[in-house]
Amino acid sequence: MNKKTKYKSASKNIAESINVSEIIEDFLPPPEKLIRKEENVKITILLSKKSIEFFKEKAKKLGVPYQTMIKTVLDKYTSHYQAN
């Protein structure tokens, strides 16, 4: 038995919204442009125990490396102050 979904007419407000809506082009970059190829430098740094524990806890919940989270914070800080 083939059931077909039956739809009632859309209310006037919904129909108007659909009529005035516009198509938004895909704004996401292709996968090959998502790969960030940055030059990285490995360093040794002393950080407070509470900071490391914070990042490790958050990273574990999110399933990401805590070092990556710390790097992201530093990169965002740098970008913010380089722009100013």
C-alpha atoms as a PDB file:
ATOM      1  CA  MET A   1       0.000   0.000   0.000  1.00  0.00           C
ATOM      2  CA  ASN A   2       1.478   3.310  -1.101  1.00  0.00           C
ATOM      3  CA  LYS A   3       0.648   6.192   1.224  1.00  0.00           C
ATOM      4  CA  LYS A   4       0.964   9.703  -0.114  1.00  0.00           C
ATOM      5  CA  THR A   5       1.461  12.675   2.124  1.00  0.00           C
ATOM      6  CA  LYS A   6      -1.282  15.218   1.777  1.00  0.00           C
ATOM      7  CA  TYR A   7      -0.547  18.857   2.449  1.00  0.00           C
ATOM      8  CA  LYS A   8      -3.015  21.587   3.114  1.00  0.00           C
ATOM      9  CA  SER A   9      -2.590  24.958   1.489  1.00  0.00           C
ATOM     10  CA  ALA A  10      -0.044  27.141   3.226  1.00  0.00           C
ATOM     11  CA  SER A  11      -1.319  30.095   5.172  1.00  0.00           C
ATOM     12  CA  LYS A  12      -1.034  33.478   3.516  1.00  0.00           C
ATOM     13  CA  ASN A  13       1.979  34.524   5.655  1.00  0.00           C
ATOM     14  CA  ILE A  14       3.940  31.387   4.812  1.00  0.00           C
ATOM     15  CA  ALA A  15       3.092  31.636   1.121  1.00  0.00           C
ATOM     16  CA  GLU A  16       4.215  35.267   1.073  1.00  0.00           C
ATOM     17  CA  SER A  17       7.453  34.380   2.826  1.00  0.00           C
ATOM     18  CA  ILE A  18       8.180  31.674   0.291  1.00  0.00           C
ATOM     19  CA  ASN A  19       7.436  34.024  -2.598  1.00  0.00           C
ATOM     20  CA  VAL A  20       9.793  36.763  -1.374  1.00  0.00           C
ATOM     21  CA  SER A  21      12.577  34.417  -0.280  1.00  0.00           C
ATOM     22  CA  GLU A  22      15.837  34.386  -2.184  1.00  0.00           C
ATOM     23  CA  ILE A  23      18.284  31.639  -3.004  1.00  0.00           C
ATOM     24  CA  ILE A  24      21.600  31.995  -1.234  1.00  0.00           C
ATOM     25  CA  GLU A  25      24.580  30.654  -3.105  1.00  0.00           C
ATOM     26  CA  ASP A  26      26.797  28.113  -1.373  1.00  0.00           C
ATOM     27  CA  PHE A  27      29.241  30.151   0.711  1.00  0.00           C
ATOM     28  CA  LEU A  28      31.315  27.278   2.034  1.00  0.00           C
ATOM     29  CA  PRO A  29      34.736  26.692   0.496  1.00  0.00           C
ATOM     30  CA  PRO A  30      35.451  23.344  -1.164  1.00  0.00           C
ATOM     31  CA  PRO A  31      37.077  20.721   1.103  1.00  0.00           C
ATOM     32  CA  GLU A  32      40.550  21.222  -0.389  1.00  0.00           C
ATOM     33  CA  LYS A  33      40.460  24.870   0.712  1.00  0.00           C
ATOM     34  CA  LEU A  34      39.612  23.932   4.299  1.00  0.00           C
ATOM     35  CA  ILE A  35      43.065  22.505   4.863  1.00  0.00           C
ATOM     36  CA  ARG A  36      45.202  25.106   6.558  1.00  0.00           C
ATOM     37  CA  LYS A  37      48.832  24.819   5.638  1.00  0.00           C
ATOM     38  CA  GLU A  38      50.621  26.961   8.149  1.00  0.00           C
ATOM     39  CA  GLU A  39      54.192  26.893   9.178  1.00  0.00           C
ATOM     40  CA  ASN A  40      54.353  25.711  12.779  1.00  0.00           C
ATOM     41  CA  VAL A  41      57.210  25.870  15.239  1.00  0.00           C
ATOM     42  CA  LYS A  42      57.538  23.416  18.083  1.00  0.00           C
ATOM     43  CA  ILE A  43      58.436  25.056  21.402  1.00  0.00           C
ATOM     44  CA  THR A  44      58.698  24.227  25.064  1.00  0.00           C
ATOM     45  CA  ILE A  45      56.646  26.470  27.328  1.00  0.00           C
ATOM     46  CA  LEU A  46      55.735  26.513  30.998  1.00  0.00           C
ATOM     47  CA  LEU A  47      52.046  27.145  31.672  1.00  0.00           C
ATOM     48  CA  SER A  48      50.138  27.191  34.923  1.00  0.00           C
ATOM     49  CA  LYS A  49      48.771  23.884  36.134  1.00  0.00           C
ATOM     50  CA  LYS A  50      45.236  25.314  36.359  1.00  0.00           C
ATOM     51  CA  SER A  51      45.359  26.440  32.707  1.00  0.00           C
ATOM     52  CA  ILE A  52      46.533  23.041  31.481  1.00  0.00           C
ATOM     53  CA  GLU A  53      43.909  21.241  33.577  1.00  0.00           C
ATOM     54  CA  PHE A  54      41.231  23.536  32.164  1.00  0.00           C
ATOM     55  CA  PHE A  55      42.221  22.866  28.553  1.00  0.00           C
ATOM     56  CA  LYS A  56      42.636  19.134  29.110  1.00  0.00           C
ATOM     57  CA  GLU A  57      39.173  18.887  30.690  1.00  0.00           C
ATOM     58  CA  LYS A  58      37.476  20.871  27.910  1.00  0.00           C
ATOM     59  CA  ALA A  59      39.415  19.058  25.179  1.00  0.00           C
ATOM     60  CA  LYS A  60      38.463  15.657  26.566  1.00  0.00           C
ATOM     61  CA  LYS A  61      34.760  16.600  26.526  1.00  0.00           C
ATOM     62  CA  LEU A  62      35.061  17.866  22.957  1.00  0.00           C
ATOM     63  CA  GLY A  63      37.295  15.054  21.706  1.00  0.00           C
ATOM     64  CA  VAL A  64      40.092  17.305  20.482  1.00  0.00           C
ATOM     65  CA  PRO A  65      43.751  17.639  21.471  1.00  0.00           C
ATOM     66  CA  TYR A  66      44.253  20.196  24.228  1.00  0.00           C
ATOM     67  CA  GLN A  67      47.376  21.534  22.520  1.00  0.00           C
ATOM     68  CA  THR A  68      45.262  22.406  19.481  1.00  0.00           C
ATOM     69  CA  MET A  69      42.876  24.357  21.688  1.00  0.00           C
ATOM     70  CA  ILE A  70      45.740  26.325  23.232  1.00  0.00           C
ATOM     71  CA  LYS A  71      47.216  27.004  19.779  1.00  0.00           C
ATOM     72  CA  THR A  72      43.829  28.268  18.573  1.00  0.00           C
ATOM     73  CA  VAL A  73      43.535  30.680  21.502  1.00  0.00           C
ATOM     74  CA  LEU A  74      47.013  32.055  20.807  1.00  0.00           C
ATOM     75  CA  ASP A  75      46.322  32.329  17.064  1.00  0.00           C
ATOM     76  CA  LYS A  76      43.072  34.229  17.677  1.00  0.00           C
ATOM     77  CA  TYR A  77      44.803  36.555  20.145  1.00  0.00           C
ATOM     78  CA  THR A  78      47.544  37.221  17.621  1.00  0.00           C
ATOM     79  CA  SER A  79      45.077  37.850  14.777  1.00  0.00           C
ATOM     80  CA  HIS A  80      43.073  40.258  16.900  1.00  0.00           C
ATOM     81  CA  TYR A  81      46.036  42.382  17.900  1.00  0.00           C
ATOM     82  CA  GLN A  82      47.761  42.259  14.523  1.00  0.00           C
ATOM     83  CA  ALA A  83      44.612  43.685  12.927  1.00  0.00           C
ATOM     84  CA  ASN A  84      44.597  46.672  15.312  1.00  0.00           C
END
